[in-house]
Amino acid sequence: MLGHPVHPALVHFPLGLLLSSTIADLAWVAGMTQDTHIAAVLMAAGLAGGLLAMAAGMADVIRLDQALVPHAMKHVGAVGLAWIGYGVALYLRRANLSANFDPGTASLVMSFVSAALLGFGGWLGGRLVYTFGANVEKRPA
């Protein structure tokens, strides 16, 4: 937007929401809460925000230096798999979206694996910007 990449500004919301949903799942597994509804709400919001971040990311890839495209595709793959995993985790909870339900082992595993993938994908995205300077304007000294 106005010459600036939008993707880096948008990713914080879905990252925070999705990872918070996994933290809510961990809190449930640890017996710290009985409310599993909050994880589902956080997942749904994170998945919706992720769509916006992914759209902006695809627009940014168009302007990317071709040498960085392979690294960017690893980032896209990891984050995309995480997004799908969270979608599956939410889908598996669809029948029981009351406040106190057992989300099921499969849904919890998908949440935990997706969090790991999302963290790895976020790290790859950070490397694109902070190590390789992807879409960072070079100003004369």
N, C-alpha and C. Protein backbone atom coordinates (compact mmCIF):
# COMPACT_ATOMS: atom_id res chain seq x y z
N MET A 1 0.84 -1.17 0.00
CA MET A 1 0.00 0.00 0.00
C MET A 1 0.89 1.23 0.00
N LEU A 2 0.65 2.12 -0.92
CA LEU A 2 1.44 3.34 -1.06
C LEU A 2 2.94 3.04 -1.15
N GLY A 3 3.28 1.95 -1.84
CA GLY A 3 4.68 1.59 -2.03
C GLY A 3 5.27 0.74 -0.93
N HIS A 4 4.51 0.43 0.09
CA HIS A 4 5.00 -0.39 1.20
C HIS A 4 4.35 -1.76 1.17
N PRO A 5 5.10 -2.82 1.50
CA PRO A 5 4.47 -4.14 1.57
C PRO A 5 3.49 -4.20 2.74
N VAL A 6 2.31 -4.75 2.50
CA VAL A 6 1.25 -4.83 3.51
C VAL A 6 1.37 -6.12 4.32
N HIS A 7 1.89 -7.16 3.71
CA HIS A 7 1.95 -8.47 4.35
C HIS A 7 2.62 -8.43 5.74
N PRO A 8 3.78 -7.79 5.89
CA PRO A 8 4.41 -7.78 7.22
C PRO A 8 3.54 -7.13 8.30
N ALA A 9 2.71 -6.19 7.92
CA ALA A 9 1.85 -5.54 8.90
C ALA A 9 0.66 -6.42 9.27
N LEU A 10 0.19 -7.25 8.33
CA LEU A 10 -0.99 -8.06 8.58
C LEU A 10 -0.72 -9.38 9.28
N VAL A 11 0.48 -9.92 9.17
CA VAL A 11 0.74 -11.27 9.68
C VAL A 11 0.68 -11.36 11.20
N HIS A 12 0.88 -10.27 11.90
CA HIS A 12 0.91 -10.33 13.36
C HIS A 12 -0.43 -10.76 13.95
N PHE A 13 -1.51 -10.37 13.32
CA PHE A 13 -2.83 -10.72 13.85
C PHE A 13 -3.12 -12.22 13.74
N PRO A 14 -3.03 -12.83 12.55
CA PRO A 14 -3.28 -14.27 12.51
C PRO A 14 -2.24 -15.08 13.28
N LEU A 15 -0.98 -14.65 13.27
CA LEU A 15 0.03 -15.36 14.06
C LEU A 15 -0.36 -15.36 15.54
N GLY A 16 -0.68 -14.21 16.05
CA GLY A 16 -1.05 -14.10 17.46
C GLY A 16 -2.31 -14.88 17.80
N LEU A 17 -3.32 -14.79 16.95
CA LEU A 17 -4.57 -15.49 17.21
C LEU A 17 -4.40 -17.01 17.15
N LEU A 18 -3.73 -17.49 16.10
CA LEU A 18 -3.57 -18.93 15.94
C LEU A 18 -2.68 -19.52 17.04
N LEU A 19 -1.57 -18.86 17.33
CA LEU A 19 -0.70 -19.38 18.39
C LEU A 19 -1.39 -19.29 19.75
N SER A 20 -2.21 -18.27 19.95
CA SER A 20 -2.97 -18.16 21.21
C SER A 20 -3.99 -19.29 21.32
N SER A 21 -4.54 -19.73 20.19
CA SER A 21 -5.48 -20.85 20.23
C SER A 21 -4.77 -22.12 20.71
N THR A 22 -3.53 -22.30 20.27
CA THR A 22 -2.76 -23.47 20.72
C THR A 22 -2.42 -23.34 22.20
N ILE A 23 -2.11 -22.14 22.65
CA ILE A 23 -1.86 -21.92 24.08
C ILE A 23 -3.12 -22.24 24.88
N ALA A 24 -4.29 -21.84 24.36
CA ALA A 24 -5.55 -22.17 25.04
C ALA A 24 -5.75 -23.69 25.08
N ASP A 25 -5.37 -24.38 24.01
CA ASP A 25 -5.45 -25.85 24.02
C ASP A 25 -4.50 -26.44 25.07
N LEU A 26 -3.30 -25.90 25.14
CA LEU A 26 -2.34 -26.38 26.15
C LEU A 26 -2.87 -26.14 27.55
N ALA A 27 -3.52 -25.00 27.76
CA ALA A 27 -4.09 -24.71 29.07
C ALA A 27 -5.18 -25.72 29.41
N TRP A 28 -5.96 -26.13 28.42
CA TRP A 28 -7.00 -27.13 28.65
C TRP A 28 -6.37 -28.49 28.98
N VAL A 29 -5.36 -28.87 28.20
CA VAL A 29 -4.68 -30.15 28.44
C VAL A 29 -4.06 -30.18 29.83
N ALA A 30 -3.50 -29.05 30.27
CA ALA A 30 -2.86 -28.96 31.59
C ALA A 30 -3.87 -28.84 32.72
N GLY A 31 -5.16 -28.77 32.39
CA GLY A 31 -6.19 -28.66 33.42
C GLY A 31 -6.33 -27.27 34.00
N MET A 32 -5.82 -26.27 33.32
CA MET A 32 -5.88 -24.90 33.83
C MET A 32 -7.21 -24.22 33.49
N THR A 33 -7.97 -24.81 32.59
CA THR A 33 -9.27 -24.27 32.22
C THR A 33 -10.16 -25.41 31.75
N GLN A 34 -11.45 -25.20 31.84
CA GLN A 34 -12.42 -26.15 31.30
C GLN A 34 -13.02 -25.63 29.99
N ASP A 35 -12.76 -24.38 29.67
CA ASP A 35 -13.35 -23.73 28.49
C ASP A 35 -12.50 -24.00 27.26
N THR A 36 -13.01 -24.81 26.37
CA THR A 36 -12.30 -25.08 25.12
C THR A 36 -12.87 -24.25 23.97
N HIS A 37 -13.93 -23.52 24.24
CA HIS A 37 -14.56 -22.69 23.21
C HIS A 37 -13.63 -21.58 22.75
N ILE A 38 -12.85 -21.01 23.67
CA ILE A 38 -11.98 -19.88 23.32
C ILE A 38 -10.96 -20.28 22.26
N ALA A 39 -10.43 -21.49 22.31
CA ALA A 39 -9.47 -21.93 21.30
C ALA A 39 -10.12 -21.95 19.92
N ALA A 40 -11.35 -22.43 19.85
CA ALA A 40 -12.06 -22.48 18.56
C ALA A 40 -12.31 -21.06 18.02
N VAL A 41 -12.69 -20.15 18.89
CA VAL A 41 -12.93 -18.76 18.46
C VAL A 41 -11.63 -18.13 17.96
N LEU A 42 -10.54 -18.34 18.69
CA LEU A 42 -9.25 -17.81 18.27
C LEU A 42 -8.80 -18.41 16.94
N MET A 43 -9.03 -19.71 16.76
CA MET A 43 -8.68 -20.35 15.48
C MET A 43 -9.47 -19.75 14.33
N ALA A 44 -10.77 -19.59 14.53
CA ALA A 44 -11.61 -19.04 13.46
C ALA A 44 -11.15 -17.63 13.07
N ALA A 45 -10.88 -16.81 14.07
CA ALA A 45 -10.43 -15.44 13.79
C ALA A 45 -9.05 -15.45 13.12
N GLY A 46 -8.16 -16.30 13.59
CA GLY A 46 -6.83 -16.40 13.00
C GLY A 46 -6.86 -16.89 11.57
N LEU A 47 -7.73 -17.85 11.29
CA LEU A 47 -7.85 -18.35 9.92
C LEU A 47 -8.38 -17.27 8.98
N ALA A 48 -9.36 -16.50 9.45
CA ALA A 48 -9.89 -15.40 8.63
C ALA A 48 -8.82 -14.34 8.38
N GLY A 49 -8.11 -13.96 9.44
CA GLY A 49 -7.03 -12.98 9.27
C GLY A 49 -5.91 -13.51 8.39
N GLY A 50 -5.69 -14.82 8.47
CA GLY A 50 -4.66 -15.44 7.64
C GLY A 50 -4.95 -15.31 6.16
N LEU A 51 -6.23 -15.33 5.78
CA LEU A 51 -6.58 -15.15 4.38
C LEU A 51 -6.14 -13.79 3.87
N LEU A 52 -6.36 -12.76 4.67
CA LEU A 52 -5.92 -11.41 4.28
C LEU A 52 -4.40 -11.33 4.19
N ALA A 53 -3.72 -11.91 5.17
CA ALA A 53 -2.26 -11.88 5.17
C ALA A 53 -1.70 -12.65 3.98
N MET A 54 -2.32 -13.79 3.65
CA MET A 54 -1.84 -14.57 2.50
C MET A 54 -2.06 -13.82 1.19
N ALA A 55 -3.18 -13.16 1.06
CA ALA A 55 -3.44 -12.39 -0.16
C ALA A 55 -2.40 -11.28 -0.31
N ALA A 56 -2.12 -10.59 0.78
CA ALA A 56 -1.10 -9.53 0.74
C ALA A 56 0.27 -10.11 0.45
N GLY A 57 0.57 -11.28 1.01
CA GLY A 57 1.85 -11.94 0.77
C GLY A 57 2.03 -12.30 -0.69
N MET A 58 0.97 -12.79 -1.31
CA MET A 58 1.07 -13.14 -2.74
C MET A 58 1.32 -11.89 -3.58
N ALA A 59 0.72 -10.78 -3.19
CA ALA A 59 0.98 -9.52 -3.91
C ALA A 59 2.43 -9.09 -3.73
N ASP A 60 3.00 -9.34 -2.55
CA ASP A 60 4.39 -8.98 -2.29
C ASP A 60 5.37 -9.89 -3.04
N VAL A 61 4.99 -11.16 -3.26
CA VAL A 61 5.87 -12.09 -3.96
C VAL A 61 6.13 -11.61 -5.39
N ILE A 62 5.16 -10.97 -5.97
CA ILE A 62 5.30 -10.46 -7.35
C ILE A 62 6.48 -9.50 -7.45
N ARG A 63 6.71 -8.71 -6.42
CA ARG A 63 7.79 -7.72 -6.42
C ARG A 63 9.10 -8.26 -5.88
N LEU A 64 9.13 -9.52 -5.51
CA LEU A 64 10.28 -10.12 -4.87
C LEU A 64 11.41 -10.38 -5.85
N ASP A 65 12.64 -10.16 -5.41
CA ASP A 65 13.83 -10.51 -6.19
C ASP A 65 13.76 -12.01 -6.49
N GLN A 66 13.97 -12.38 -7.74
CA GLN A 66 13.83 -13.78 -8.17
C GLN A 66 14.74 -14.73 -7.39
N ALA A 67 15.88 -14.26 -6.92
CA ALA A 67 16.79 -15.11 -6.15
C ALA A 67 16.17 -15.53 -4.82
N LEU A 68 15.20 -14.77 -4.33
CA LEU A 68 14.58 -15.07 -3.03
C LEU A 68 13.31 -15.90 -3.15
N VAL A 69 12.84 -16.12 -4.37
CA VAL A 69 11.58 -16.85 -4.56
C VAL A 69 11.63 -18.26 -3.97
N PRO A 70 12.71 -19.04 -4.15
CA PRO A 70 12.71 -20.37 -3.53
C PRO A 70 12.55 -20.33 -2.01
N HIS A 71 13.21 -19.39 -1.35
CA HIS A 71 13.07 -19.25 0.10
C HIS A 71 11.63 -18.83 0.45
N ALA A 72 11.09 -17.92 -0.35
CA ALA A 72 9.72 -17.46 -0.11
C ALA A 72 8.73 -18.62 -0.27
N MET A 73 8.98 -19.53 -1.21
CA MET A 73 8.07 -20.65 -1.41
C MET A 73 8.13 -21.63 -0.23
N LYS A 74 9.28 -21.75 0.42
CA LYS A 74 9.37 -22.56 1.65
C LYS A 74 8.51 -21.91 2.74
N HIS A 75 8.60 -20.60 2.83
CA HIS A 75 7.79 -19.85 3.80
C HIS A 75 6.30 -20.06 3.50
N VAL A 76 5.93 -19.92 2.24
CA VAL A 76 4.54 -20.10 1.83
C VAL A 76 4.07 -21.52 2.15
N GLY A 77 4.91 -22.51 1.87
CA GLY A 77 4.54 -23.89 2.13
C GLY A 77 4.33 -24.18 3.60
N ALA A 78 5.24 -23.73 4.44
CA ALA A 78 5.13 -23.98 5.88
C ALA A 78 3.91 -23.29 6.47
N VAL A 79 3.72 -22.02 6.12
CA VAL A 79 2.59 -21.27 6.66
C VAL A 79 1.28 -21.80 6.08
N GLY A 80 1.29 -22.16 4.80
CA GLY A 80 0.09 -22.71 4.18
C GLY A 80 -0.34 -24.03 4.83
N LEU A 81 0.64 -24.90 5.09
CA LEU A 81 0.32 -26.16 5.78
C LEU A 81 -0.21 -25.91 7.19
N ALA A 82 0.37 -24.93 7.87
CA ALA A 82 -0.10 -24.58 9.21
C ALA A 82 -1.54 -24.08 9.14
N TRP A 83 -1.84 -23.24 8.16
CA TRP A 83 -3.19 -22.70 8.00
C TRP A 83 -4.18 -23.84 7.76
N ILE A 84 -3.82 -24.76 6.88
CA ILE A 84 -4.68 -25.91 6.60
C ILE A 84 -4.85 -26.76 7.86
N GLY A 85 -3.75 -26.96 8.60
CA GLY A 85 -3.82 -27.75 9.83
C GLY A 85 -4.75 -27.13 10.85
N TYR A 86 -4.68 -25.83 11.03
CA TYR A 86 -5.60 -25.16 11.95
C TYR A 86 -7.04 -25.27 11.44
N GLY A 87 -7.21 -25.20 10.13
CA GLY A 87 -8.55 -25.37 9.56
C GLY A 87 -9.11 -26.75 9.86
N VAL A 88 -8.27 -27.77 9.74
CA VAL A 88 -8.69 -29.14 10.07
C VAL A 88 -9.01 -29.24 11.56
N ALA A 89 -8.16 -28.66 12.39
CA ALA A 89 -8.41 -28.69 13.84
C ALA A 89 -9.75 -28.06 14.18
N LEU A 90 -10.05 -26.93 13.55
CA LEU A 90 -11.34 -26.27 13.79
C LEU A 90 -12.49 -27.11 13.26
N TYR A 91 -12.31 -27.69 12.08
CA TYR A 91 -13.35 -28.54 11.49
C TYR A 91 -13.67 -29.73 12.40
N LEU A 92 -12.64 -30.32 12.99
CA LEU A 92 -12.85 -31.46 13.88
C LEU A 92 -13.62 -31.08 15.15
N ARG A 93 -13.65 -29.81 15.48
CA ARG A 93 -14.37 -29.34 16.67
C ARG A 93 -15.79 -28.89 16.35
N ARG A 94 -16.18 -28.92 15.09
CA ARG A 94 -17.43 -28.32 14.64
C ARG A 94 -18.67 -28.84 15.35
N ALA A 95 -18.69 -30.10 15.72
CA ALA A 95 -19.89 -30.68 16.31
C ALA A 95 -20.12 -30.22 17.74
N ASN A 96 -19.05 -29.81 18.42
CA ASN A 96 -19.14 -29.47 19.84
C ASN A 96 -18.52 -28.11 20.12
N LEU A 97 -19.19 -27.07 19.77
CA LEU A 97 -18.62 -25.74 20.01
C LEU A 97 -19.19 -25.08 21.27
N SER A 98 -19.64 -25.89 22.21
CA SER A 98 -20.06 -25.35 23.49
C SER A 98 -18.81 -25.03 24.31
N ALA A 99 -18.99 -24.41 25.44
CA ALA A 99 -17.84 -23.95 26.24
C ALA A 99 -17.05 -25.10 26.84
N ASN A 100 -17.67 -26.20 27.18
CA ASN A 100 -16.97 -27.29 27.87
C ASN A 100 -17.12 -28.59 27.09
N PHE A 101 -16.24 -28.82 26.16
CA PHE A 101 -16.27 -30.06 25.41
C PHE A 101 -14.83 -30.54 25.23
N ASP A 102 -14.71 -31.81 24.98
CA ASP A 102 -13.40 -32.40 24.71
C ASP A 102 -13.12 -32.19 23.22
N PRO A 103 -12.09 -31.41 22.88
CA PRO A 103 -11.84 -31.14 21.47
C PRO A 103 -11.35 -32.37 20.70
N GLY A 104 -10.92 -33.40 21.40
CA GLY A 104 -10.47 -34.62 20.76
C GLY A 104 -8.98 -34.61 20.48
N THR A 105 -8.41 -35.79 20.54
CA THR A 105 -6.97 -35.93 20.35
C THR A 105 -6.51 -35.46 18.99
N ALA A 106 -7.25 -35.81 17.95
CA ALA A 106 -6.84 -35.43 16.58
C ALA A 106 -6.80 -33.91 16.43
N SER A 107 -7.80 -33.23 16.95
CA SER A 107 -7.84 -31.78 16.85
C SER A 107 -6.69 -31.13 17.63
N LEU A 108 -6.41 -31.68 18.82
CA LEU A 108 -5.31 -31.14 19.62
C LEU A 108 -3.97 -31.36 18.94
N VAL A 109 -3.77 -32.55 18.37
CA VAL A 109 -2.52 -32.83 17.66
C VAL A 109 -2.37 -31.89 16.47
N MET A 110 -3.46 -31.67 15.73
CA MET A 110 -3.40 -30.74 14.59
C MET A 110 -3.04 -29.33 15.07
N SER A 111 -3.58 -28.92 16.20
CA SER A 111 -3.28 -27.60 16.75
C SER A 111 -1.80 -27.48 17.10
N PHE A 112 -1.26 -28.51 17.77
CA PHE A 112 0.15 -28.45 18.20
C PHE A 112 1.10 -28.52 17.02
N VAL A 113 0.83 -29.40 16.07
CA VAL A 113 1.68 -29.52 14.88
C VAL A 113 1.61 -28.24 14.06
N SER A 114 0.41 -27.69 13.92
CA SER A 114 0.23 -26.46 13.16
C SER A 114 0.97 -25.29 13.80
N ALA A 115 1.00 -25.25 15.12
CA ALA A 115 1.73 -24.19 15.82
C ALA A 115 3.22 -24.29 15.51
N ALA A 116 3.75 -25.51 15.50
CA ALA A 116 5.17 -25.69 15.17
C ALA A 116 5.44 -25.27 13.74
N LEU A 117 4.58 -25.66 12.81
CA LEU A 117 4.74 -25.25 11.41
C LEU A 117 4.63 -23.74 11.25
N LEU A 118 3.69 -23.14 11.97
CA LEU A 118 3.51 -21.70 11.88
C LEU A 118 4.73 -20.96 12.43
N GLY A 119 5.27 -21.45 13.53
CA GLY A 119 6.48 -20.84 14.08
C GLY A 119 7.65 -20.94 13.10
N PHE A 120 7.81 -22.11 12.48
CA PHE A 120 8.88 -22.30 11.49
C PHE A 120 8.65 -21.41 10.28
N GLY A 121 7.41 -21.36 9.79
CA GLY A 121 7.10 -20.50 8.65
C GLY A 121 7.31 -19.03 8.96
N GLY A 122 6.96 -18.62 10.18
CA GLY A 122 7.20 -17.24 10.59
C GLY A 122 8.69 -16.92 10.65
N TRP A 123 9.47 -17.88 11.12
CA TRP A 123 10.93 -17.70 11.15
C TRP A 123 11.46 -17.55 9.73
N LEU A 124 10.98 -18.37 8.80
CA LEU A 124 11.41 -18.24 7.40
C LEU A 124 11.03 -16.87 6.85
N GLY A 125 9.84 -16.39 7.18
CA GLY A 125 9.41 -15.07 6.73
C GLY A 125 10.28 -13.97 7.32
N GLY A 126 10.65 -14.12 8.58
CA GLY A 126 11.55 -13.15 9.21
C GLY A 126 12.90 -13.13 8.53
N ARG A 127 13.39 -14.30 8.15
CA ARG A 127 14.66 -14.37 7.42
C ARG A 127 14.57 -13.64 6.08
N LEU A 128 13.42 -13.77 5.43
CA LEU A 128 13.25 -13.08 4.14
C LEU A 128 13.49 -11.57 4.31
N VAL A 129 12.96 -11.01 5.36
CA VAL A 129 13.08 -9.57 5.57
C VAL A 129 14.40 -9.20 6.24
N TYR A 130 14.70 -9.83 7.37
CA TYR A 130 15.82 -9.38 8.18
C TYR A 130 17.18 -9.90 7.73
N THR A 131 17.22 -11.06 7.08
CA THR A 131 18.49 -11.59 6.58
C THR A 131 18.72 -11.20 5.13
N PHE A 132 17.66 -11.36 4.32
CA PHE A 132 17.81 -11.14 2.88
C PHE A 132 17.30 -9.78 2.42
N GLY A 133 16.62 -9.03 3.27
CA GLY A 133 16.14 -7.70 2.90
C GLY A 133 15.04 -7.72 1.86
N ALA A 134 14.20 -8.75 1.87
CA ALA A 134 13.13 -8.87 0.88
C ALA A 134 12.20 -7.66 0.92
N ASN A 135 12.02 -7.06 -0.23
CA ASN A 135 11.13 -5.90 -0.41
C ASN A 135 11.45 -4.73 0.52
N VAL A 136 12.69 -4.66 0.97
CA VAL A 136 13.12 -3.52 1.78
C VAL A 136 13.78 -2.53 0.84
N GLU A 137 13.31 -1.30 0.89
CA GLU A 137 13.83 -0.27 0.01
C GLU A 137 15.27 0.06 0.40
N LYS A 138 16.15 0.05 -0.58
CA LYS A 138 17.55 0.41 -0.35
C LYS A 138 17.70 1.92 -0.56
N ARG A 139 18.06 2.62 0.47
CA ARG A 139 18.24 4.07 0.40
C ARG A 139 19.74 4.39 0.30
N PRO A 140 20.08 5.39 -0.48
CA PRO A 140 21.49 5.77 -0.55
C PRO A 140 21.98 6.30 0.80
N ALA A 141 23.21 6.00 1.11
CA ALA A 141 23.79 6.40 2.39
C ALA A 141 24.05 7.88 2.46
